[in-house]
């Protein structure tokens, strides 16, 4: 599981530390990786929040875009949802 963001690496490092994030986070500042995989990084001009499952063959198996948080919600993949997607797609 890779999380991709347009944020600078320094901002991501701060968020990872603050929220105790253990999954891999990618700073795709210029958008090159996202473009290569055909993953949109924006919604109506606002940064998206994309979670991507890449198989051992290097192909994208699943993409989840949570958009911007609303009403104090957090951007994360529910454990049951992640387990189901990984079990089904890998």
PDB file of N, CA and C in Angstrom:
ATOM      1  N   UNK A   1       0.856  -1.173   0.000  1.00  0.00           N
ATOM      2  CA  UNK A   1       0.000   0.000   0.000  1.00  0.00           C
ATOM      3  C   UNK A   1       0.895   1.225   0.000  1.00  0.00           C
ATOM      4  N   UNK A   2       0.628   2.135  -0.896  1.00  0.00           N
ATOM      5  CA  UNK A   2       1.391   3.370  -1.008  1.00  0.00           C
ATOM      6  C   UNK A   2       0.416   4.530  -0.955  1.00  0.00           C
ATOM      7  N   UNK A   3       0.707   5.506  -0.144  1.00  0.00           N
ATOM      8  CA  UNK A   3      -0.087   6.723  -0.124  1.00  0.00           C
ATOM      9  C   UNK A   3       0.688   7.784  -0.886  1.00  0.00           C
ATOM     10  N   UNK A   4       0.012   8.444  -1.823  1.00  0.00           N
ATOM     11  CA  UNK A   4       0.649   9.455  -2.665  1.00  0.00           C
ATOM     12  C   UNK A   4       0.066  10.822  -2.336  1.00  0.00           C
ATOM     13  N   UNK A   5       0.944  11.804  -2.189  1.00  0.00           N
ATOM     14  CA  UNK A   5       0.488  13.168  -1.912  1.00  0.00           C
ATOM     15  C   UNK A   5       1.361  14.151  -2.676  1.00  0.00           C
ATOM     16  N   UNK A   6       0.802  15.312  -2.957  1.00  0.00           N
ATOM     17  CA  UNK A   6       1.561  16.373  -3.609  1.00  0.00           C
ATOM     18  C   UNK A   6       2.357  17.192  -2.607  1.00  0.00           C
ATOM     19  N   UNK A   7       2.133  16.960  -1.334  1.00  0.00           N
ATOM     20  CA  UNK A   7       2.799  17.723  -0.287  1.00  0.00           C
ATOM     21  C   UNK A   7       4.312  17.512  -0.327  1.00  0.00           C
ATOM     22  N   UNK A   8       5.070  18.530   0.095  1.00  0.00           N
ATOM     23  CA  UNK A   8       6.519  18.358   0.203  1.00  0.00           C
ATOM     24  C   UNK A   8       6.849  17.286   1.242  1.00  0.00           C
ATOM     25  N   UNK A   9       7.982  16.647   1.070  1.00  0.00           N
ATOM     26  CA  UNK A   9       8.408  15.583   1.966  1.00  0.00           C
ATOM     27  C   UNK A   9       8.450  16.044   3.420  1.00  0.00           C
ATOM     28  N   UNK A  10       8.876  17.267   3.670  1.00  0.00           N
ATOM     29  CA  UNK A  10       8.947  17.769   5.050  1.00  0.00           C
ATOM     30  C   UNK A  10       7.561  17.813   5.696  1.00  0.00           C
ATOM     31  N   UNK A  11       6.537  18.206   4.931  1.00  0.00           N
ATOM     32  CA  UNK A  11       5.164  18.230   5.464  1.00  0.00           C
ATOM     33  C   UNK A  11       4.671  16.820   5.740  1.00  0.00           C
ATOM     34  N   UNK A  12       4.957  15.895   4.824  1.00  0.00           N
ATOM     35  CA  UNK A  12       4.528  14.509   5.014  1.00  0.00           C
ATOM     36  C   UNK A  12       5.204  13.893   6.234  1.00  0.00           C
ATOM     37  N   UNK A  13       6.487  14.171   6.408  1.00  0.00           N
ATOM     38  CA  UNK A  13       7.216  13.632   7.561  1.00  0.00           C
ATOM     39  C   UNK A  13       6.575  14.114   8.858  1.00  0.00           C
ATOM     40  N   UNK A  14       6.155  15.352   8.890  1.00  0.00           N
ATOM     41  CA  UNK A  14       5.489  15.912  10.075  1.00  0.00           C
ATOM     42  C   UNK A  14       4.169  15.191  10.336  1.00  0.00           C
ATOM     43  N   UNK A  15       3.355  14.995   9.288  1.00  0.00           N
ATOM     44  CA  UNK A  15       2.072  14.306   9.433  1.00  0.00           C
ATOM     45  C   UNK A  15       2.257  12.849   9.853  1.00  0.00           C
ATOM     46  N   UNK A  16       3.234  12.176   9.261  1.00  0.00           N
ATOM     47  CA  UNK A  16       3.513  10.784   9.597  1.00  0.00           C
ATOM     48  C   UNK A  16       3.841  10.673  11.091  1.00  0.00           C
ATOM     49  N   UNK A  17       4.672  11.580  11.581  1.00  0.00           N
ATOM     50  CA  UNK A  17       5.047  11.565  12.998  1.00  0.00           C
ATOM     51  C   UNK A  17       3.853  11.896  13.886  1.00  0.00           C
ATOM     52  N   UNK A  18       3.099  12.929  13.532  1.00  0.00           N
ATOM     53  CA  UNK A  18       1.959  13.367  14.354  1.00  0.00           C
ATOM     54  C   UNK A  18       0.858  12.319  14.441  1.00  0.00           C
ATOM     55  N   UNK A  19       0.575  11.647  13.323  1.00  0.00           N
ATOM     56  CA  UNK A  19      -0.535  10.698  13.281  1.00  0.00           C
ATOM     57  C   UNK A  19      -0.102   9.247  13.455  1.00  0.00           C
ATOM     58  N   UNK A  20       1.196   9.003  13.594  1.00  0.00           N
ATOM     59  CA  UNK A  20       1.678   7.643  13.787  1.00  0.00           C
ATOM     60  C   UNK A  20       1.442   6.757  12.580  1.00  0.00           C
ATOM     61  N   UNK A  21       1.547   7.313  11.391  1.00  0.00           N
ATOM     62  CA  UNK A  21       1.300   6.569  10.155  1.00  0.00           C
ATOM     63  C   UNK A  21       2.424   5.560   9.935  1.00  0.00           C
ATOM     64  N   UNK A  22       2.043   4.321   9.669  1.00  0.00           N
ATOM     65  CA  UNK A  22       3.033   3.265   9.479  1.00  0.00           C
ATOM     66  C   UNK A  22       3.152   2.813   8.025  1.00  0.00           C
ATOM     67  N   UNK A  23       2.188   3.163   7.185  1.00  0.00           N
ATOM     68  CA  UNK A  23       2.232   2.741   5.787  1.00  0.00           C
ATOM     69  C   UNK A  23       3.175   3.644   4.994  1.00  0.00           C
ATOM     70  N   UNK A  24       3.522   3.201   3.797  1.00  0.00           N
ATOM     71  CA  UNK A  24       4.430   3.949   2.933  1.00  0.00           C
ATOM     72  C   UNK A  24       3.734   5.189   2.383  1.00  0.00           C
ATOM     73  N   UNK A  25       4.413   6.305   2.445  1.00  0.00           N
ATOM     74  CA  UNK A  25       3.906   7.581   1.949  1.00  0.00           C
ATOM     75  C   UNK A  25       4.838   8.078   0.860  1.00  0.00           C
ATOM     76  N   UNK A  26       4.298   8.511  -0.265  1.00  0.00           N
ATOM     77  CA  UNK A  26       5.090   9.007  -1.377  1.00  0.00           C
ATOM     78  C   UNK A  26       4.793  10.479  -1.607  1.00  0.00           C
ATOM     79  N   UNK A  27       5.832  11.289  -1.634  1.00  0.00           N
ATOM     80  CA  UNK A  27       5.694  12.691  -1.998  1.00  0.00           C
ATOM     81  C   UNK A  27       5.940  12.797  -3.494  1.00  0.00           C
ATOM     82  N   UNK A  28       4.862  12.991  -4.227  1.00  0.00           N
ATOM     83  CA  UNK A  28       4.942  13.093  -5.691  1.00  0.00           C
ATOM     84  C   UNK A  28       4.785  14.558  -6.059  1.00  0.00           C
ATOM     85  N   UNK A  29       5.716  15.364  -5.592  1.00  0.00           N
ATOM     86  CA  UNK A  29       5.635  16.821  -5.692  1.00  0.00           C
ATOM     87  C   UNK A  29       5.346  17.297  -7.112  1.00  0.00           C
ATOM     88  N   UNK A  30       5.977  16.708  -8.102  1.00  0.00           N
ATOM     89  CA  UNK A  30       5.762  17.137  -9.481  1.00  0.00           C
ATOM     90  C   UNK A  30       4.674  16.368 -10.206  1.00  0.00           C
ATOM     91  N   UNK A  31       4.145  15.313  -9.560  1.00  0.00           N
ATOM     92  CA  UNK A  31       3.068  14.531 -10.142  1.00  0.00           C
ATOM     93  C   UNK A  31       3.493  13.503 -11.183  1.00  0.00           C
ATOM     94  N   UNK A  32       4.802  13.276 -11.352  1.00  0.00           N
ATOM     95  CA  UNK A  32       5.272  12.370 -12.397  1.00  0.00           C
ATOM     96  C   UNK A  32       4.834  10.922 -12.174  1.00  0.00           C
ATOM     97  N   UNK A  33       4.939  10.442 -10.940  1.00  0.00           N
ATOM     98  CA  UNK A  33       4.569   9.050 -10.653  1.00  0.00           C
ATOM     99  C   UNK A  33       3.075   8.856 -10.844  1.00  0.00           C
ATOM    100  N   UNK A  34       2.298   9.770 -10.315  1.00  0.00           N
ATOM    101  CA  UNK A  34       0.847   9.685 -10.429  1.00  0.00           C
ATOM    102  C   UNK A  34       0.403   9.713 -11.879  1.00  0.00           C
ATOM    103  N   UNK A  35       1.024  10.567 -12.653  1.00  0.00           N
ATOM    104  CA  UNK A  35       0.689  10.654 -14.075  1.00  0.00           C
ATOM    105  C   UNK A  35       1.017   9.344 -14.787  1.00  0.00           C
ATOM    106  N   UNK A  36       2.158   8.757 -14.474  1.00  0.00           N
ATOM    107  CA  UNK A  36       2.557   7.500 -15.106  1.00  0.00           C
ATOM    108  C   UNK A  36       1.538   6.395 -14.848  1.00  0.00           C
ATOM    109  N   UNK A  37       0.983   6.349 -13.646  1.00  0.00           N
ATOM    110  CA  UNK A  37       0.000   5.328 -13.284  1.00  0.00           C
ATOM    111  C   UNK A  37      -1.429   5.746 -13.629  1.00  0.00           C
ATOM    112  N   UNK A  38      -1.615   6.970 -14.135  1.00  0.00           N
ATOM    113  CA  UNK A  38      -2.943   7.437 -14.507  1.00  0.00           C
ATOM    114  C   UNK A  38      -3.834   7.737 -13.311  1.00  0.00           C
ATOM    115  N   UNK A  39      -3.227   8.196 -12.215  1.00  0.00           N
ATOM    116  CA  UNK A  39      -3.969   8.463 -10.983  1.00  0.00           C
ATOM    117  C   UNK A  39      -4.147   9.967 -10.825  1.00  0.00           C
ATOM    118  N   UNK A  40      -5.390  10.443 -10.767  1.00  0.00           N
ATOM    119  CA  UNK A  40      -5.603  11.882 -10.597  1.00  0.00           C
ATOM    120  C   UNK A  40      -5.234  12.307  -9.178  1.00  0.00           C
ATOM    121  N   UNK A  41      -4.614  13.454  -9.062  1.00  0.00           N
ATOM    122  CA  UNK A  41      -4.232  13.937  -7.738  1.00  0.00           C
ATOM    123  C   UNK A  41      -5.048  15.136  -7.294  1.00  0.00           C
ATOM    124  N   UNK A  42      -6.033  15.526  -8.083  1.00  0.00           N
ATOM    125  CA  UNK A  42      -6.840  16.669  -7.681  1.00  0.00           C
ATOM    126  C   UNK A  42      -8.321  16.401  -7.936  1.00  0.00           C
ATOM    127  N   UNK A  43      -9.137  17.097  -7.169  1.00  0.00           N
ATOM    128  CA  UNK A  43     -10.595  17.116  -7.341  1.00  0.00           C
ATOM    129  C   UNK A  43     -11.003  18.569  -7.420  1.00  0.00           C
ATOM    130  N   UNK A  44     -11.425  19.006  -8.570  1.00  0.00           N
ATOM    131  CA  UNK A  44     -11.855  20.396  -8.715  1.00  0.00           C
ATOM    132  C   UNK A  44     -10.774  21.381  -8.314  1.00  0.00           C
ATOM    133  N   UNK A  45      -9.521  21.054  -8.602  1.00  0.00           N
ATOM    134  CA  UNK A  45      -8.422  21.949  -8.279  1.00  0.00           C
ATOM    135  C   UNK A  45      -7.854  21.771  -6.889  1.00  0.00           C
ATOM    136  N   UNK A  46      -8.520  20.990  -6.047  1.00  0.00           N
ATOM    137  CA  UNK A  46      -8.042  20.731  -4.689  1.00  0.00           C
ATOM    138  C   UNK A  46      -7.258  19.426  -4.662  1.00  0.00           C
ATOM    139  N   UNK A  47      -6.225  19.346  -3.810  1.00  0.00           N
ATOM    140  CA  UNK A  47      -5.472  18.090  -3.728  1.00  0.00           C
ATOM    141  C   UNK A  47      -6.369  16.923  -3.344  1.00  0.00           C
ATOM    142  N   UNK A  48      -6.182  15.808  -4.010  1.00  0.00           N
ATOM    143  CA  UNK A  48      -6.883  14.589  -3.637  1.00  0.00           C
ATOM    144  C   UNK A  48      -6.075  13.826  -2.599  1.00  0.00           C
ATOM    145  N   UNK A  49      -6.652  12.816  -2.048  1.00  0.00           N
ATOM    146  CA  UNK A  49      -5.965  11.958  -1.080  1.00  0.00           C
ATOM    147  C   UNK A  49      -6.138  10.532  -1.573  1.00  0.00           C
ATOM    148  N   UNK A  50      -5.111  10.040  -2.224  1.00  0.00           N
ATOM    149  CA  UNK A  50      -5.167   8.804  -2.980  1.00  0.00           C
ATOM    150  C   UNK A  50      -4.435   7.693  -2.249  1.00  0.00           C
ATOM    151  N   UNK A  51      -5.059   6.532  -2.193  1.00  0.00           N
ATOM    152  CA  UNK A  51      -4.418   5.328  -1.689  1.00  0.00           C
ATOM    153  C   UNK A  51      -4.396   4.326  -2.836  1.00  0.00           C
ATOM    154  N   UNK A  52      -3.227   3.727  -3.092  1.00  0.00           N
ATOM    155  CA  UNK A  52      -3.040   2.865  -4.250  1.00  0.00           C
ATOM    156  C   UNK A  52      -2.461   1.525  -3.805  1.00  0.00           C
ATOM    157  N   UNK A  53      -3.039   0.441  -4.324  1.00  0.00           N
ATOM    158  CA  UNK A  53      -2.513  -0.899  -4.095  1.00  0.00           C
ATOM    159  C   UNK A  53      -1.843  -1.348  -5.383  1.00  0.00           C
ATOM    160  N   UNK A  54      -0.527  -1.582  -5.315  1.00  0.00           N
ATOM    161  CA  UNK A  54       0.254  -1.994  -6.474  1.00  0.00           C
ATOM    162  C   UNK A  54       0.693  -3.433  -6.258  1.00  0.00           C
ATOM    163  N   UNK A  55       0.439  -4.277  -7.247  1.00  0.00           N
ATOM    164  CA  UNK A  55       0.818  -5.684  -7.142  1.00  0.00           C
ATOM    165  C   UNK A  55       2.302  -5.895  -7.383  1.00  0.00           C
ATOM    166  N   UNK A  56       2.760  -7.097  -7.138  1.00  0.00           N
ATOM    167  CA  UNK A  56       4.168  -7.432  -7.356  1.00  0.00           C
ATOM    168  C   UNK A  56       4.567  -7.263  -8.815  1.00  0.00           C
ATOM    169  N   UNK A  57       3.588  -7.288  -9.705  1.00  0.00           N
ATOM    170  CA  UNK A  57       3.871  -7.093 -11.127  1.00  0.00           C
ATOM    171  C   UNK A  57       4.012  -5.615 -11.493  1.00  0.00           C
ATOM    172  N   UNK A  58       3.874  -4.726 -10.498  1.00  0.00           N
ATOM    173  CA  UNK A  58       4.015  -3.294 -10.735  1.00  0.00           C
ATOM    174  C   UNK A  58       2.763  -2.623 -11.259  1.00  0.00           C
ATOM    175  N   UNK A  59       1.662  -3.373 -11.379  1.00  0.00           N
ATOM    176  CA  UNK A  59       0.414  -2.809 -11.886  1.00  0.00           C
ATOM    177  C   UNK A  59      -0.485  -2.378 -10.727  1.00  0.00           C
ATOM    178  N   UNK A  60      -1.219  -1.298 -10.945  1.00  0.00           N
ATOM    179  CA  UNK A  60      -2.168  -0.807  -9.939  1.00  0.00           C
ATOM    180  C   UNK A  60      -3.326  -1.780  -9.854  1.00  0.00           C
ATOM    181  N   UNK A  61      -3.621  -2.254  -8.656  1.00  0.00           N
ATOM    182  CA  UNK A  61      -4.700  -3.208  -8.424  1.00  0.00           C
ATOM    183  C   UNK A  61      -5.947  -2.543  -7.846  1.00  0.00           C
ATOM    184  N   UNK A  62      -5.747  -1.437  -7.128  1.00  0.00           N
ATOM    185  CA  UNK A  62      -6.868  -0.767  -6.464  1.00  0.00           C
ATOM    186  C   UNK A  62      -6.466   0.650  -6.134  1.00  0.00           C
ATOM    187  N   UNK A  63      -7.390   1.591  -6.321  1.00  0.00           N
ATOM    188  CA  UNK A  63      -7.152   2.993  -6.002  1.00  0.00           C
ATOM    189  C   UNK A  63      -8.334   3.492  -5.184  1.00  0.00           C
ATOM    190  N   UNK A  64      -8.056   4.215  -4.137  1.00  0.00           N
ATOM    191  CA  UNK A  64      -9.108   4.821  -3.322  1.00  0.00           C
ATOM    192  C   UNK A  64      -8.756   6.281  -3.112  1.00  0.00           C
ATOM    193  N   UNK A  65      -9.631   7.167  -3.488  1.00  0.00           N
ATOM    194  CA  UNK A  65      -9.421   8.600  -3.293  1.00  0.00           C
ATOM    195  C   UNK A  65     -10.443   9.094  -2.275  1.00  0.00           C
ATOM    196  N   UNK A  66      -9.956   9.560  -1.157  1.00  0.00           N
ATOM    197  CA  UNK A  66     -10.830  10.012  -0.078  1.00  0.00           C
ATOM    198  C   UNK A  66     -11.148  11.490  -0.152  1.00  0.00           C
ATOM    199  N   UNK A  67     -10.550  12.221  -1.086  1.00  0.00           N
ATOM    200  CA  UNK A  67     -10.818  13.646  -1.185  1.00  0.00           C
ATOM    201  C   UNK A  67     -10.373  14.371   0.073  1.00  0.00           C
ATOM    202  N   UNK A  68     -10.863  15.575   0.245  1.00  0.00           N
ATOM    203  CA  UNK A  68     -10.521  16.362   1.429  1.00  0.00           C
ATOM    204  C   UNK A  68     -11.368  15.915   2.610  1.00  0.00           C
ATOM    205  N   UNK A  69     -10.798  15.952   3.822  1.00  0.00           N
ATOM    206  CA  UNK A  69     -11.582  15.555   4.999  1.00  0.00           C
ATOM    207  C   UNK A  69     -12.726  16.535   5.242  1.00  0.00           C
ATOM    208  N   UNK A  70     -13.849  15.994   5.666  1.00  0.00           N
ATOM    209  CA  UNK A  70     -15.018  16.821   5.955  1.00  0.00           C
ATOM    210  C   UNK A  70     -15.449  16.591   7.397  1.00  0.00           C
ATOM    211  N   UNK A  71     -15.859  17.648   8.052  1.00  0.00           N
ATOM    212  CA  UNK A  71     -16.378  17.560   9.414  1.00  0.00           C
ATOM    213  C   UNK A  71     -15.423  16.837  10.357  1.00  0.00           C
ATOM    214  N   UNK A  72     -14.132  17.112  10.221  1.00  0.00           N
ATOM    215  CA  UNK A  72     -13.159  16.526  11.120  1.00  0.00           C
ATOM    216  C   UNK A  72     -12.822  15.074  10.853  1.00  0.00           C
ATOM    217  N   UNK A  73     -13.289  14.509   9.721  1.00  0.00           N
ATOM    218  CA  UNK A  73     -12.991  13.112   9.417  1.00  0.00           C
ATOM    219  C   UNK A  73     -11.514  12.969   9.069  1.00  0.00           C
ATOM    220  N   UNK A  74     -10.983  11.787   9.315  1.00  0.00           N
ATOM    221  CA  UNK A  74      -9.598  11.487   8.975  1.00  0.00           C
ATOM    222  C   UNK A  74      -9.545  10.757   7.650  1.00  0.00           C
ATOM    223  N   UNK A  75      -8.417  10.864   6.983  1.00  0.00           N
ATOM    224  CA  UNK A  75      -8.223  10.178   5.713  1.00  0.00           C
ATOM    225  C   UNK A  75      -7.419   8.916   5.976  1.00  0.00           C
ATOM    226  N   UNK A  76      -8.076   7.817   5.962  1.00  0.00           N
ATOM    227  CA  UNK A  76      -7.394   6.538   6.153  1.00  0.00           C
ATOM    228  C   UNK A  76      -8.256   5.435   5.584  1.00  0.00           C
ATOM    229  N   UNK A  77      -7.648   4.294   5.407  1.00  0.00           N
ATOM    230  CA  UNK A  77      -8.370   3.136   4.898  1.00  0.00           C
ATOM    231  C   UNK A  77      -8.815   2.310   6.087  1.00  0.00           C
ATOM    232  N   UNK A  78     -10.112   2.032   6.175  1.00  0.00           N
ATOM    233  CA  UNK A  78     -10.618   1.163   7.240  1.00  0.00           C
ATOM    234  C   UNK A  78      -9.962  -0.207   7.109  1.00  0.00           C
ATOM    235  N   UNK A  79      -9.598  -0.801   8.225  1.00  0.00           N
ATOM    236  CA  UNK A  79      -8.910  -2.089   8.229  1.00  0.00           C
ATOM    237  C   UNK A  79      -9.689  -3.151   7.469  1.00  0.00           C
ATOM    238  N   UNK A  80     -10.984  -3.247   7.701  1.00  0.00           N
ATOM    239  CA  UNK A  80     -11.798  -4.254   7.012  1.00  0.00           C
ATOM    240  C   UNK A  80     -11.831  -4.021   5.503  1.00  0.00           C
ATOM    241  N   UNK A  81     -11.916  -2.771   5.106  1.00  0.00           N
ATOM    242  CA  UNK A  81     -11.929  -2.449   3.685  1.00  0.00           C
ATOM    243  C   UNK A  81     -10.578  -2.810   3.057  1.00  0.00           C
ATOM    244  N   UNK A  82      -9.504  -2.436   3.699  1.00  0.00           N
ATOM    245  CA  UNK A  82      -8.180  -2.753   3.182  1.00  0.00           C
ATOM    246  C   UNK A  82      -7.966  -4.254   3.082  1.00  0.00           C
ATOM    247  N   UNK A  83      -8.334  -4.980   4.107  1.00  0.00           N
ATOM    248  CA  UNK A  83      -8.177  -6.446   4.104  1.00  0.00           C
ATOM    249  C   UNK A  83      -8.960  -7.063   2.946  1.00  0.00           C
ATOM    250  N   UNK A  84     -10.187  -6.594   2.755  1.00  0.00           N
ATOM    251  CA  UNK A  84     -11.020  -7.113   1.674  1.00  0.00           C
ATOM    252  C   UNK A  84     -10.431  -6.839   0.312  1.00  0.00           C
ATOM    253  N   UNK A  85      -9.927  -5.633   0.099  1.00  0.00           N
ATOM    254  CA  UNK A  85      -9.354  -5.280  -1.199  1.00  0.00           C
ATOM    255  C   UNK A  85      -8.073  -6.063  -1.469  1.00  0.00           C
ATOM    256  N   UNK A  86      -7.209  -6.148  -0.466  1.00  0.00           N
ATOM    257  CA  UNK A  86      -5.957  -6.889  -0.650  1.00  0.00           C
ATOM    258  C   UNK A  86      -6.243  -8.367  -0.885  1.00  0.00           C
ATOM    259  N   UNK A  87      -7.160  -8.948  -0.108  1.00  0.00           N
ATOM    260  CA  UNK A  87      -7.498 -10.357  -0.261  1.00  0.00           C
ATOM    261  C   UNK A  87      -8.077 -10.655  -1.640  1.00  0.00           C
ATOM    262  N   UNK A  88      -8.886  -9.741  -2.132  1.00  0.00           N
ATOM    263  CA  UNK A  88      -9.553  -9.942  -3.416  1.00  0.00           C
ATOM    264  C   UNK A  88      -8.624  -9.708  -4.610  1.00  0.00           C
ATOM    265  N   UNK A  89      -7.708  -8.767  -4.482  1.00  0.00           N
ATOM    266  CA  UNK A  89      -6.941  -8.310  -5.641  1.00  0.00           C
ATOM    267  C   UNK A  89      -5.515  -8.846  -5.744  1.00  0.00           C
ATOM    268  N   UNK A  90      -4.987  -9.394  -4.660  1.00  0.00           N
ATOM    269  CA  UNK A  90      -3.613  -9.921  -4.735  1.00  0.00           C
ATOM    270  C   UNK A  90      -3.602 -11.422  -4.581  1.00  0.00           C
TER     271      UNK A  90
END
